[in-house]
Amino acid sequence: MIDEEYKKNEEYINSTILPKLHEIQREVLKKKKSRLSLDVSVSNRYGEGYISSFACVMNDMGEITGTCSARFICVCSKEEIDERLNELKEFVKKYIA
């Protein structure tokens, strides 16, 4: 049962979450003079797959003034994964507008 749920969540992260994160990255890149940075990394260390993302905004001095991080783990429920994505999207939306 756990393996089946893990596989479903892994597929959801690969087919839905990762493309959405790439879409957010494209939006950040299109925005000229944005002080927003968004990093996305993936890992499958020890067979426990996850995606980590980190967004930050900087002031004119290059100092970080706001951050948001999210980790999308295959053992989390779909609802938890979606909630983390929404938090990240709201943070980005706040600073990209």
C-alpha atoms as a PDB file:
ATOM      1  CA  MET A   1       0.000   0.000   0.000  1.00  0.00           C
ATOM      2  CA  ILE A   2       2.752   2.440   0.950  1.00  0.00           C
ATOM      3  CA  ASP A   3       4.748   1.631  -2.196  1.00  0.00           C
ATOM      4  CA  GLU A   4       1.659   2.181  -4.337  1.00  0.00           C
ATOM      5  CA  GLU A   5       0.949   5.568  -2.746  1.00  0.00           C
ATOM      6  CA  TYR A   6       4.615   6.557  -3.047  1.00  0.00           C
ATOM      7  CA  LYS A   7       4.571   5.721  -6.763  1.00  0.00           C
ATOM      8  CA  LYS A   8       1.384   7.759  -7.274  1.00  0.00           C
ATOM      9  CA  ASN A   9       2.896  10.746  -5.493  1.00  0.00           C
ATOM     10  CA  GLU A  10       6.164  10.363  -7.383  1.00  0.00           C
ATOM     11  CA  GLU A  11       4.252  10.419 -10.672  1.00  0.00           C
ATOM     12  CA  TYR A  12       2.231  13.443  -9.513  1.00  0.00           C
ATOM     13  CA  ILE A  13       5.390  15.329  -8.566  1.00  0.00           C
ATOM     14  CA  ASN A  14       7.047  14.481 -11.892  1.00  0.00           C
ATOM     15  CA  SER A  15       4.056  15.110 -14.141  1.00  0.00           C
ATOM     16  CA  THR A  16       2.390  18.046 -12.374  1.00  0.00           C
ATOM     17  CA  ILE A  17       4.552  19.784  -9.772  1.00  0.00           C
ATOM     18  CA  LEU A  18       7.858  19.891 -11.661  1.00  0.00           C
ATOM     19  CA  PRO A  19       6.276  21.438 -14.801  1.00  0.00           C
ATOM     20  CA  LYS A  20       4.502  24.016 -12.614  1.00  0.00           C
ATOM     21  CA  LEU A  21       7.786  24.921 -10.948  1.00  0.00           C
ATOM     22  CA  HIS A  22       9.398  25.330 -14.372  1.00  0.00           C
ATOM     23  CA  GLU A  23       6.498  27.563 -15.405  1.00  0.00           C
ATOM     24  CA  ILE A  24       7.114  29.753 -12.351  1.00  0.00           C
ATOM     25  CA  GLN A  25      10.823  29.901 -13.229  1.00  0.00           C
ATOM     26  CA  ARG A  26       9.941  31.075 -16.749  1.00  0.00           C
ATOM     27  CA  GLU A  27       7.728  33.818 -15.309  1.00  0.00           C
ATOM     28  CA  VAL A  28      10.554  34.979 -13.045  1.00  0.00           C
ATOM     29  CA  LEU A  29      12.955  35.017 -15.992  1.00  0.00           C
ATOM     30  CA  LYS A  30      10.547  37.042 -18.163  1.00  0.00           C
ATOM     31  CA  LYS A  31      10.170  39.739 -15.518  1.00  0.00           C
ATOM     32  CA  LYS A  32      12.770  42.402 -16.191  1.00  0.00           C
ATOM     33  CA  LYS A  33      14.536  43.994 -13.234  1.00  0.00           C
ATOM     34  CA  SER A  34      13.071  41.467 -10.849  1.00  0.00           C
ATOM     35  CA  ARG A  35      14.876  41.045  -7.558  1.00  0.00           C
ATOM     36  CA  LEU A  36      13.392  37.599  -7.210  1.00  0.00           C
ATOM     37  CA  SER A  37      15.389  34.385  -7.455  1.00  0.00           C
ATOM     38  CA  LEU A  38      13.945  30.876  -7.661  1.00  0.00           C
ATOM     39  CA  ASP A  39      16.056  27.732  -7.365  1.00  0.00           C
ATOM     40  CA  VAL A  40      14.720  24.221  -7.945  1.00  0.00           C
ATOM     41  CA  SER A  41      16.637  21.017  -7.294  1.00  0.00           C
ATOM     42  CA  VAL A  42      15.717  17.351  -7.384  1.00  0.00           C
ATOM     43  CA  SER A  43      17.094  14.334  -5.572  1.00  0.00           C
ATOM     44  CA  ASN A  44      16.343  10.669  -5.160  1.00  0.00           C
ATOM     45  CA  ARG A  45      18.813   9.965  -2.400  1.00  0.00           C
ATOM     46  CA  TYR A  46      18.360   6.534  -0.866  1.00  0.00           C
ATOM     47  CA  GLY A  47      15.227   5.997  -2.938  1.00  0.00           C
ATOM     48  CA  GLU A  48      13.326   8.865  -1.299  1.00  0.00           C
ATOM     49  CA  GLY A  49      12.563  11.273  -4.113  1.00  0.00           C
ATOM     50  CA  TYR A  50      11.894  14.934  -3.575  1.00  0.00           C
ATOM     51  CA  ILE A  51      12.076  18.355  -5.160  1.00  0.00           C
ATOM     52  CA  SER A  52      13.396  21.310  -3.179  1.00  0.00           C
ATOM     53  CA  SER A  53      12.667  24.881  -4.127  1.00  0.00           C
ATOM     54  CA  PHE A  54      13.900  28.121  -2.654  1.00  0.00           C
ATOM     55  CA  ALA A  55      12.730  31.601  -3.581  1.00  0.00           C
ATOM     56  CA  CYS A  56      14.193  34.825  -2.269  1.00  0.00           C
ATOM     57  CA  VAL A  57      13.891  38.513  -2.929  1.00  0.00           C
ATOM     58  CA  MET A  58      16.767  40.955  -2.492  1.00  0.00           C
ATOM     59  CA  ASN A  59      17.021  44.691  -1.954  1.00  0.00           C
ATOM     60  CA  ASP A  60      19.275  47.090  -3.898  1.00  0.00           C
ATOM     61  CA  MET A  61      22.211  46.167  -1.653  1.00  0.00           C
ATOM     62  CA  GLY A  62      21.861  42.470  -2.510  1.00  0.00           C
ATOM     63  CA  GLU A  63      20.582  41.617   0.952  1.00  0.00           C
ATOM     64  CA  ILE A  64      17.865  38.999   1.190  1.00  0.00           C
ATOM     65  CA  THR A  65      14.654  40.582   2.454  1.00  0.00           C
ATOM     66  CA  GLY A  66      12.248  37.680   2.062  1.00  0.00           C
ATOM     67  CA  THR A  67      12.367  33.938   1.491  1.00  0.00           C
ATOM     68  CA  CYS A  68      10.138  30.975   0.864  1.00  0.00           C
ATOM     69  CA  SER A  69      11.188  27.361   0.616  1.00  0.00           C
ATOM     70  CA  ALA A  70       9.198  24.274  -0.216  1.00  0.00           C
ATOM     71  CA  ARG A  71      10.092  20.622  -0.326  1.00  0.00           C
ATOM     72  CA  PHE A  72       7.875  18.301  -2.323  1.00  0.00           C
ATOM     73  CA  ILE A  73       8.421  14.806  -0.944  1.00  0.00           C
ATOM     74  CA  CYS A  74       6.963  11.678  -2.487  1.00  0.00           C
ATOM     75  CA  VAL A  75       5.815  10.396   0.914  1.00  0.00           C
ATOM     76  CA  CYS A  76       3.626  13.478   1.459  1.00  0.00           C
ATOM     77  CA  SER A  77      -0.033  13.494   0.538  1.00  0.00           C
ATOM     78  CA  LYS A  78      -1.179  15.194  -2.652  1.00  0.00           C
ATOM     79  CA  GLU A  79      -2.904  17.831  -0.522  1.00  0.00           C
ATOM     80  CA  GLU A  80       0.332  18.631   1.328  1.00  0.00           C
ATOM     81  CA  ILE A  81       2.209  18.846  -1.955  1.00  0.00           C
ATOM     82  CA  ASP A  82      -0.405  21.194  -3.448  1.00  0.00           C
ATOM     83  CA  GLU A  83      -0.410  23.345  -0.311  1.00  0.00           C
ATOM     84  CA  ARG A  84       3.359  23.793  -0.485  1.00  0.00           C
ATOM     85  CA  LEU A  85       3.165  24.696  -4.174  1.00  0.00           C
ATOM     86  CA  ASN A  86       0.461  27.285  -3.469  1.00  0.00           C
ATOM     87  CA  GLU A  87       2.564  28.895  -0.722  1.00  0.00           C
ATOM     88  CA  LEU A  88       5.482  29.197  -3.129  1.00  0.00           C
ATOM     89  CA  LYS A  89       3.260  30.567  -5.911  1.00  0.00           C
ATOM     90  CA  GLU A  90       1.806  33.211  -3.578  1.00  0.00           C
ATOM     91  CA  PHE A  91       5.274  34.320  -2.503  1.00  0.00           C
ATOM     92  CA  VAL A  92       6.437  34.626  -6.106  1.00  0.00           C
ATOM     93  CA  LYS A  93       3.251  36.418  -7.150  1.00  0.00           C
ATOM     94  CA  LYS A  94       3.760  38.965  -4.361  1.00  0.00           C
ATOM     95  CA  TYR A  95       7.205  39.942  -5.639  1.00  0.00           C
ATOM     96  CA  ILE A  96       6.752  39.521  -9.365  1.00  0.00           C
ATOM     97  CA  ALA A  97       3.798  41.893  -9.701  1.00  0.00           C
END
